């Protein structure tokens, strides 16, 4: 137990160094953090070990840091901005999500039909493919100071994309569960699991916003924000305990919290708070990315097969084409049409969570199908995450948005 905090601090220091090395060769620092997670994780050096990741104190800290990271999204969801761009963001999110689901499901339905595998596996892969890990792209926004139409579209989309993706995935899981086992997942439970973080965080954000409006000193305001993050995280963990499983998205909790309080205070007050919160958000980002990289087994790169290659290509095609169609239909700028899809490719953390849920549904009635799902996504998570970070950075670069942010989170 005493060694585990030292292991975490050492891992963070190494990840920071890897990030600096990546930056020195003009790569996004997140790629360094991700590689550090793989190198230090259980599959290689075992410094960032499985017992550490499974420990109660670390999972509690991870939830708090994920909630903190949610501030990056929530504080951008200002009502006056959403009124101008709400339709564009909503339509693009729907077309991008449905495009990804349809392309991946169609490709694998054809492949599995030809090989005599159950077709429902294709829809599970389609549901898993919807998962977008917002932290990698948001870290590029933060570290490389991006600003412009692609950035301003991506940040609010990150929240909505998570909701739409989770809703479609859990609906697919419910349908497959009803098909292969006697235990069907009720629709009301799906809706609760997907949307509960928003009202929970929002209710606490309303109270926080009321307190912040009475304060004048930035230091006191930041202290209140930290207290609200801790309270929100505790409420989320209590809800998980009552539900009997760890299913709530703490980044969405933080987003709901910050979106509400950000709309209840003045813009200068919000800017002052976020300026002071920026170092903590950067620290949270390193730990969250380490946590994404650590479970990835580099051996799987060598064992990747046809299913993995098809999955990566089909998902990228679905994300890109779906985002392009939505952006074009809503009259978005040319850079958004061309490059938004590239920033939506990071995948690993949420995809591994979705995979675990799908495997648990199939492990009894269809263990062979569970192996197909697990093998495909595990290898894809490693390969896709490295490629996706590079492509996301290129997307911002080709859009001309790198280094355009004069002041972080302003």
Protein backbone atom coordinates (compact mmCIF):
# COMPACT_ATOMS: atom_id res chain seq x y z
CA UNK A 1 0.00 0.00 0.00
CA UNK A 2 2.84 2.42 0.91
CA UNK A 3 4.60 1.70 -2.38
CA UNK A 4 1.54 2.34 -4.56
CA UNK A 5 1.51 6.17 -4.23
CA UNK A 6 5.24 6.15 -5.04
CA UNK A 7 4.53 3.98 -8.11
CA UNK A 8 1.87 6.46 -9.23
CA UNK A 9 4.12 9.51 -8.73
CA UNK A 10 6.99 7.77 -10.55
CA UNK A 11 4.66 6.83 -13.42
CA UNK A 12 3.42 10.42 -13.68
CA UNK A 13 7.00 11.74 -13.76
CA UNK A 14 7.99 9.27 -16.49
CA UNK A 15 4.83 10.08 -18.48
CA UNK A 16 5.60 13.81 -18.22
CA UNK A 17 9.13 13.14 -19.58
CA UNK A 18 7.72 10.99 -22.40
CA UNK A 19 5.31 13.82 -23.20
CA UNK A 20 8.17 16.32 -23.39
CA UNK A 21 10.10 13.97 -25.71
CA UNK A 22 7.05 13.63 -27.95
CA UNK A 23 6.67 17.41 -28.02
CA UNK A 24 10.34 17.80 -28.95
CA UNK A 25 9.75 15.86 -32.18
CA UNK A 26 6.51 17.77 -32.88
CA UNK A 27 4.17 14.99 -31.75
CA UNK A 28 1.31 15.60 -29.30
CA UNK A 29 2.41 15.03 -25.66
CA UNK A 30 -0.50 12.66 -25.17
CA UNK A 31 1.24 10.13 -27.41
CA UNK A 32 4.15 10.15 -24.97
CA UNK A 33 1.78 9.70 -22.03
CA UNK A 34 -0.01 6.85 -23.79
CA UNK A 35 3.25 5.04 -24.65
CA UNK A 36 4.44 5.59 -21.07
CA UNK A 37 1.27 3.88 -19.85
CA UNK A 38 1.93 0.88 -22.10
CA UNK A 39 5.61 0.67 -21.07
CA UNK A 40 4.97 1.12 -17.34
CA UNK A 41 1.79 -0.98 -17.30
CA UNK A 42 1.22 -4.60 -16.26
CA UNK A 43 2.27 -6.02 -19.65
CA UNK A 44 5.86 -4.68 -19.57
CA UNK A 45 7.59 -3.02 -16.58
CA UNK A 46 4.62 -3.38 -14.19
CA UNK A 47 5.34 -0.11 -12.38
CA UNK A 48 1.82 1.16 -13.07
CA UNK A 49 0.59 -2.23 -11.88
CA UNK A 50 -2.78 -3.95 -11.85
CA UNK A 51 -2.96 -4.00 -8.01
CA UNK A 52 -2.38 -0.23 -8.10
CA UNK A 53 -5.17 0.30 -10.65
CA UNK A 54 -7.52 -1.99 -8.68
CA UNK A 55 -6.85 -0.36 -5.30
CA UNK A 56 -9.69 1.57 -3.68
CA UNK A 57 -7.68 4.75 -3.09
CA UNK A 58 -6.55 4.89 -6.72
CA UNK A 59 -9.99 4.24 -8.23
CA UNK A 60 -11.35 6.99 -5.95
CA UNK A 61 -8.61 9.38 -7.12
CA UNK A 62 -9.24 8.39 -10.74
CA UNK A 63 -12.94 9.22 -10.40
CA UNK A 64 -12.10 12.64 -8.94
CA UNK A 65 -9.61 13.36 -11.73
CA UNK A 66 -12.10 12.29 -14.42
CA UNK A 67 -14.67 14.60 -12.84
CA UNK A 68 -12.06 17.40 -12.89
CA UNK A 69 -11.35 16.73 -16.56
CA UNK A 70 -15.07 17.17 -17.25
CA UNK A 71 -14.58 20.89 -16.59
CA UNK A 72 -12.83 21.19 -19.96
CA UNK A 73 -16.08 20.24 -21.68
CA UNK A 74 -18.68 21.71 -19.34
CA UNK A 75 -17.23 25.22 -19.13
CA UNK A 76 -17.46 25.45 -22.93
CA UNK A 77 -21.18 24.61 -22.93
CA UNK A 78 -22.28 28.21 -22.52
CA UNK A 79 -25.88 28.87 -23.49
CA UNK A 80 -25.09 31.84 -25.73
CA UNK A 81 -22.63 29.68 -27.70
CA UNK A 82 -24.97 26.70 -27.88
CA UNK A 83 -27.82 28.86 -29.20
CA UNK A 84 -25.64 29.74 -32.19
CA UNK A 85 -24.15 26.30 -32.84
CA UNK A 86 -26.56 23.89 -31.11
CA UNK A 87 -28.25 22.55 -34.25
CA UNK A 88 -24.92 22.05 -36.02
CA UNK A 89 -23.44 20.13 -33.09
CA UNK A 90 -26.55 17.99 -32.51
CA UNK A 91 -27.01 17.02 -36.18
CA UNK A 92 -23.30 16.32 -36.70
CA UNK A 93 -23.16 14.14 -33.58
CA UNK A 94 -26.16 12.09 -34.71
CA UNK A 95 -24.86 11.57 -38.28
CA UNK A 96 -21.36 10.75 -37.04
CA UNK A 97 -22.66 8.23 -34.48
CA UNK A 98 -25.14 6.56 -36.83
CA UNK A 99 -22.60 6.58 -39.67
CA UNK A 100 -20.04 4.78 -37.53
CA UNK A 101 -22.55 2.24 -36.24
CA UNK A 102 -23.96 1.48 -39.70
CA UNK A 103 -20.60 1.18 -41.48
CA UNK A 104 -18.99 -1.09 -38.86
CA UNK A 105 -22.15 -3.20 -38.43
CA UNK A 106 -22.61 -3.60 -42.21
CA UNK A 107 -18.97 -4.57 -42.83
CA UNK A 108 -18.93 -7.19 -40.08
CA UNK A 109 -22.44 -8.47 -40.85
CA UNK A 110 -21.18 -9.33 -44.34
CA UNK A 111 -17.95 -10.89 -43.04
CA UNK A 112 -19.67 -12.91 -40.30
CA UNK A 113 -22.40 -14.06 -42.73
CA UNK A 114 -19.71 -15.33 -45.11
CA UNK A 115 -17.90 -17.11 -42.27
CA UNK A 116 -20.97 -18.53 -40.55
CA UNK A 117 -20.59 -16.46 -37.38
CA UNK A 118 -23.67 -15.04 -35.57
CA UNK A 119 -24.73 -11.73 -37.14
CA UNK A 120 -25.52 -10.15 -33.77
CA UNK A 121 -21.75 -9.97 -33.13
CA UNK A 122 -21.58 -7.39 -35.95
CA UNK A 123 -24.03 -5.12 -34.14
CA UNK A 124 -22.11 -5.45 -30.88
CA UNK A 125 -18.93 -4.38 -32.70
CA UNK A 126 -20.92 -1.54 -34.26
CA UNK A 127 -22.06 -0.44 -30.81
CA UNK A 128 -18.54 -0.64 -29.36
CA UNK A 129 -17.18 1.38 -32.30
CA UNK A 130 -19.29 4.37 -31.20
CA UNK A 131 -17.09 4.86 -28.15
CA UNK A 132 -15.00 8.01 -28.45
CA UNK A 133 -12.35 8.74 -25.83
CA UNK A 134 -12.56 12.55 -25.46
CA UNK A 135 -9.44 12.90 -23.29
CA UNK A 136 -6.87 12.39 -26.11
CA UNK A 137 -8.33 15.03 -28.42
CA UNK A 138 -9.00 17.40 -25.52
CA UNK A 139 -5.38 17.03 -24.42
CA UNK A 140 -4.25 18.11 -27.88
CA UNK A 141 -6.57 21.14 -27.58
CA UNK A 142 -5.00 21.98 -24.21
CA UNK A 143 -1.34 21.19 -24.89
CA UNK A 144 -1.13 22.56 -28.43
CA UNK A 145 -3.38 25.56 -27.78
CA UNK A 146 -5.78 24.88 -30.65
CA UNK A 147 -8.59 27.29 -31.45
CA UNK A 148 -11.01 27.66 -34.35
CA UNK A 149 -14.15 26.10 -35.84
CA UNK A 150 -12.99 22.46 -35.44
CA UNK A 151 -12.01 23.00 -31.80
CA UNK A 152 -15.20 24.87 -30.92
CA UNK A 153 -17.28 22.09 -32.53
CA UNK A 154 -15.32 19.22 -30.97
CA UNK A 155 -15.50 20.32 -27.32
CA UNK A 156 -19.31 20.38 -26.92
CA UNK A 157 -19.59 17.35 -29.24
CA UNK A 158 -17.41 15.33 -26.85
CA UNK A 159 -20.21 15.32 -24.27
CA UNK A 160 -23.10 14.67 -26.65
CA UNK A 161 -21.11 12.00 -28.49
CA UNK A 162 -20.61 10.08 -25.24
CA UNK A 163 -24.35 10.18 -24.52
CA UNK A 164 -25.47 9.12 -28.01
CA UNK A 165 -22.81 6.40 -28.21
CA UNK A 166 -23.71 4.97 -24.81
CA UNK A 167 -27.43 5.05 -25.58
CA UNK A 168 -27.04 3.14 -28.87
CA UNK A 169 -24.56 0.68 -27.35
CA UNK A 170 -26.77 -0.19 -24.37
CA UNK A 171 -29.80 -0.57 -26.65
CA UNK A 172 -27.80 -3.05 -28.77
CA UNK A 173 -26.65 -4.88 -25.63
CA UNK A 174 -30.26 -5.06 -24.42
CA UNK A 175 -31.42 -6.53 -27.76
CA UNK A 176 -28.56 -9.06 -27.92
CA UNK A 177 -29.05 -9.97 -24.27
CA UNK A 178 -32.73 -10.66 -24.90
CA UNK A 179 -31.77 -12.78 -27.94
CA UNK A 180 -29.06 -14.95 -26.36
CA UNK A 181 -30.14 -15.22 -22.73
CA UNK A 182 -33.19 -15.26 -20.52
CA UNK A 183 -32.08 -12.07 -18.77
CA UNK A 184 -33.16 -9.01 -20.75
CA UNK A 185 -31.94 -5.53 -19.79
CA UNK A 186 -34.93 -3.22 -19.10
CA UNK A 187 -35.11 -0.03 -21.17
CA UNK A 188 -35.56 2.20 -18.10
CA UNK A 189 -32.24 0.95 -16.71
CA UNK A 190 -30.49 1.82 -19.99
CA UNK A 191 -31.84 5.37 -19.85
CA UNK A 192 -30.82 5.74 -16.20
CA UNK A 193 -27.27 4.49 -16.79
CA UNK A 194 -26.75 6.79 -19.78
CA UNK A 195 -28.35 10.01 -18.59
CA UNK A 196 -28.05 9.90 -14.77
CA UNK A 197 -24.64 11.68 -14.62
CA UNK A 198 -26.06 14.81 -16.29
CA UNK A 199 -28.88 15.66 -13.80
CA UNK A 200 -26.72 14.55 -10.86
CA UNK A 201 -23.86 16.84 -11.85
CA UNK A 202 -26.26 19.57 -12.98
CA UNK A 203 -28.09 19.71 -9.63
CA UNK A 204 -24.81 20.13 -7.77
CA UNK A 205 -23.68 22.65 -10.39
CA UNK A 206 -26.78 24.77 -9.72
CA UNK A 207 -25.92 24.98 -6.02
CA UNK A 208 -22.25 25.66 -6.83
CA UNK A 209 -23.20 28.43 -9.25
CA UNK A 210 -25.36 30.10 -6.60
CA UNK A 211 -22.45 30.12 -4.14
CA UNK A 212 -19.96 31.36 -6.76
CA UNK A 213 -22.20 34.33 -7.58
CA UNK A 214 -21.81 35.53 -3.99
CA UNK A 215 -18.00 35.39 -4.06
CA UNK A 216 -15.60 38.04 -5.34
CA UNK A 217 -12.14 36.57 -4.70
CA UNK A 218 -10.86 34.05 -7.31
CA UNK A 219 -9.12 32.00 -4.59
CA UNK A 220 -12.38 31.46 -2.72
CA UNK A 221 -14.17 30.61 -5.97
CA UNK A 222 -11.57 27.97 -6.86
CA UNK A 223 -11.87 26.45 -3.38
CA UNK A 224 -15.65 26.18 -3.86
CA UNK A 225 -15.14 24.53 -7.27
CA UNK A 226 -12.78 21.96 -5.72
CA UNK A 227 -15.26 21.21 -2.94
CA UNK A 228 -18.01 20.78 -5.55
CA UNK A 229 -15.81 18.38 -7.55
CA UNK A 230 -15.17 16.27 -4.43
CA UNK A 231 -18.85 16.26 -3.47
CA UNK A 232 -19.91 15.38 -7.04
CA UNK A 233 -17.38 12.53 -7.17
CA UNK A 234 -18.63 11.19 -3.83
CA UNK A 235 -22.24 11.36 -5.05
CA UNK A 236 -21.23 9.46 -8.21
CA UNK A 237 -19.44 6.77 -6.21
CA UNK A 238 -22.45 6.45 -3.89
CA UNK A 239 -24.73 6.06 -6.93
CA UNK A 240 -22.43 3.36 -8.32
CA UNK A 241 -22.60 1.58 -4.96
CA UNK A 242 -26.40 1.69 -4.95
CA UNK A 243 -26.54 0.42 -8.55
CA UNK A 244 -24.18 -2.41 -7.61
CA UNK A 245 -21.73 -1.73 -10.44
CA UNK A 246 -19.32 0.98 -11.59
CA UNK A 247 -21.19 2.30 -14.64
CA UNK A 248 -21.48 6.08 -14.20
CA UNK A 249 -19.27 8.27 -16.39
CA UNK A 250 -17.44 10.65 -14.04
CA UNK A 251 -16.32 12.89 -16.87
CA UNK A 252 -20.00 13.46 -17.69
CA UNK A 253 -20.66 14.15 -14.00
CA UNK A 254 -17.98 16.84 -14.06
CA UNK A 255 -19.35 18.16 -17.33
CA UNK A 256 -22.89 18.45 -15.91
CA UNK A 257 -21.55 20.17 -12.78
CA UNK A 258 -19.43 22.73 -14.66
CA UNK A 259 -21.90 23.38 -17.49
CA UNK A 260 -24.53 24.56 -15.01
CA UNK A 261 -22.29 26.68 -12.78
CA UNK A 262 -20.53 28.18 -15.83
CA UNK A 263 -23.87 29.49 -17.08
CA UNK A 264 -24.72 31.02 -13.68
CA UNK A 265 -21.62 33.23 -13.33
CA UNK A 266 -20.07 36.00 -15.41
CA UNK A 267 -17.57 35.30 -18.19
CA UNK A 268 -14.69 37.12 -16.40
CA UNK A 269 -15.35 35.12 -13.22
CA UNK A 270 -15.36 31.86 -15.21
CA UNK A 271 -12.11 32.79 -16.96
CA UNK A 272 -10.44 33.58 -13.62
CA UNK A 273 -11.50 30.21 -12.19
CA UNK A 274 -10.39 28.21 -15.22
CA UNK A 275 -7.04 29.99 -15.39
CA UNK A 276 -6.30 28.72 -11.88
CA UNK A 277 -7.73 25.27 -12.60
CA UNK A 278 -5.64 24.72 -15.75
CA UNK A 279 -2.58 23.14 -14.00
CA UNK A 280 -4.82 20.70 -12.11
CA UNK A 281 -6.67 19.78 -15.30
CA UNK A 282 -3.32 19.13 -17.01
CA UNK A 283 -2.28 16.85 -14.14
CA UNK A 284 -5.61 15.03 -14.28
CA UNK A 285 -5.13 14.53 -18.00
CA UNK A 286 -1.75 12.81 -17.53
CA UNK A 287 -3.19 10.32 -15.01
CA UNK A 288 -6.30 9.63 -17.11
CA UNK A 289 -4.18 8.95 -20.22
CA UNK A 290 -1.78 6.76 -18.20
CA UNK A 291 -4.84 4.82 -17.08
CA UNK A 292 -5.92 4.43 -20.72
CA UNK A 293 -2.50 3.21 -21.83
CA UNK A 294 -1.65 0.82 -18.99
CA UNK A 295 -4.15 -1.96 -19.88
CA UNK A 296 -3.05 -1.97 -23.55
CA UNK A 297 -0.91 -5.03 -24.32
CA UNK A 298 1.77 -4.22 -26.91
CA UNK A 299 1.97 -7.94 -27.80
CA UNK A 300 -1.45 -7.61 -29.43
CA UNK A 301 0.03 -5.46 -32.20
CA UNK A 302 1.88 -8.54 -33.46
CA UNK A 303 -1.20 -10.74 -33.15
CA UNK A 304 -3.61 -8.38 -34.88
CA UNK A 305 -5.54 -10.06 -37.68
CA UNK A 306 -8.12 -9.38 -40.38
CA UNK A 307 -10.93 -8.52 -37.95
CA UNK A 308 -8.78 -5.91 -36.23
CA UNK A 309 -7.72 -4.28 -39.50
CA UNK A 310 -11.31 -4.25 -40.78
CA UNK A 311 -12.55 -2.77 -37.52
CA UNK A 312 -10.02 0.09 -37.50
CA UNK A 313 -10.65 1.00 -41.15
CA UNK A 314 -14.46 0.66 -40.98
CA UNK A 315 -14.68 2.71 -37.79
CA UNK A 316 -12.46 5.47 -39.21
CA UNK A 317 -14.53 5.54 -42.41
CA UNK A 318 -17.79 5.72 -40.43
CA UNK A 319 -16.56 8.46 -38.11
CA UNK A 320 -15.12 10.58 -40.92
CA UNK A 321 -18.00 10.19 -43.39
CA UNK A 322 -20.68 10.63 -40.71
CA UNK A 323 -19.07 13.81 -39.40
CA UNK A 324 -18.61 15.11 -42.96
CA UNK A 325 -22.27 14.53 -43.86
CA UNK A 326 -23.53 16.22 -40.68
CA UNK A 327 -21.18 19.19 -41.03
CA UNK A 328 -22.10 19.64 -44.70
CA UNK A 329 -25.85 19.38 -43.99
CA UNK A 330 -25.65 22.14 -41.37
CA UNK A 331 -23.47 24.48 -43.43
CA UNK A 332 -20.42 24.17 -41.18
CA UNK A 333 -17.11 25.71 -42.30
CA UNK A 334 -15.03 23.76 -44.78
CA UNK A 335 -12.38 22.90 -42.17
CA UNK A 336 -15.04 21.31 -39.94
CA UNK A 337 -16.36 19.21 -42.83
CA UNK A 338 -12.87 18.03 -43.77
CA UNK A 339 -11.11 17.54 -40.46
CA UNK A 340 -13.60 17.11 -37.59
CA UNK A 341 -13.85 13.36 -38.25
CA UNK A 342 -10.10 12.95 -37.68
CA UNK A 343 -10.35 14.42 -34.18
CA UNK A 344 -13.03 11.87 -33.23
CA UNK A 345 -10.91 8.75 -33.85
CA UNK A 346 -9.38 8.20 -30.33
CA UNK A 347 -11.15 5.24 -28.82
CA UNK A 348 -9.45 3.01 -26.26
CA UNK A 349 -10.74 3.72 -22.74
CA UNK A 350 -14.48 3.67 -23.38
CA UNK A 351 -14.16 0.91 -25.99
CA UNK A 352 -12.52 -1.40 -23.44
CA UNK A 353 -15.34 -0.67 -20.98
CA UNK A 354 -17.96 -1.42 -23.65
CA UNK A 355 -16.06 -4.58 -24.62
CA UNK A 356 -16.11 -5.80 -21.02
CA UNK A 357 -19.89 -5.33 -20.89
CA UNK A 358 -20.41 -7.13 -24.23
CA UNK A 359 -18.15 -10.02 -23.18
CA UNK A 360 -19.99 -10.41 -19.87
CA UNK A 361 -23.29 -10.71 -21.80
CA UNK A 362 -21.87 -13.34 -24.18
CA UNK A 363 -19.57 -15.30 -21.86
CA UNK A 364 -22.31 -17.74 -20.81
CA UNK A 365 -24.45 -18.29 -23.94
CA UNK A 366 -21.74 -17.67 -26.59
CA UNK A 367 -18.14 -17.88 -25.25
CA UNK A 368 -16.71 -18.18 -28.79
CA UNK A 369 -18.45 -14.95 -29.79
CA UNK A 370 -17.07 -13.30 -26.64
CA UNK A 371 -13.55 -14.30 -27.73
CA UNK A 372 -14.09 -12.79 -31.19
CA UNK A 373 -15.23 -9.48 -29.67
CA UNK A 374 -12.46 -9.37 -27.07
CA UNK A 375 -9.64 -10.29 -29.47
CA UNK A 376 -10.75 -7.80 -32.12
CA UNK A 377 -11.13 -4.81 -29.80
CA UNK A 378 -8.08 -5.51 -27.61
CA UNK A 379 -5.70 -5.41 -30.59
CA UNK A 380 -7.57 -2.51 -32.20
CA UNK A 381 -7.34 -0.47 -28.99
CA UNK A 382 -3.53 -0.56 -29.07
CA UNK A 383 -3.08 0.12 -32.78
CA UNK A 384 -5.94 2.58 -33.20
CA UNK A 385 -4.98 4.72 -30.23
CA UNK A 386 -1.49 5.44 -31.59
CA UNK A 387 -2.75 6.13 -35.12
CA UNK A 388 -5.75 8.12 -33.87
CA UNK A 389 -3.67 10.53 -31.80
CA UNK A 390 -1.41 11.24 -34.78
CA UNK A 391 -4.39 11.74 -37.10
CA UNK A 392 -6.20 13.95 -34.57
CA UNK A 393 -3.13 16.16 -34.32
CA UNK A 394 -2.92 16.29 -38.13
CA UNK A 395 -6.61 17.21 -38.28
CA UNK A 396 -6.01 20.27 -36.11
CA UNK A 397 -2.86 21.09 -38.08
CA UNK A 398 -4.55 20.85 -41.49
CA UNK A 399 -7.43 22.95 -40.15
CA UNK A 400 -4.88 25.63 -39.26
CA UNK A 401 -5.83 25.65 -35.57
CA UNK A 402 -2.56 24.67 -33.82
CA UNK A 403 -1.20 27.39 -31.54
CA UNK A 404 -4.16 29.71 -32.14
CA UNK A 405 -5.39 29.75 -28.55
CA UNK A 406 -3.99 32.85 -26.88
CA UNK A 407 -5.12 31.90 -23.41
CA UNK A 408 -6.01 28.41 -22.25
CA UNK A 409 -9.67 27.85 -21.53
CA UNK A 410 -10.54 31.49 -22.23
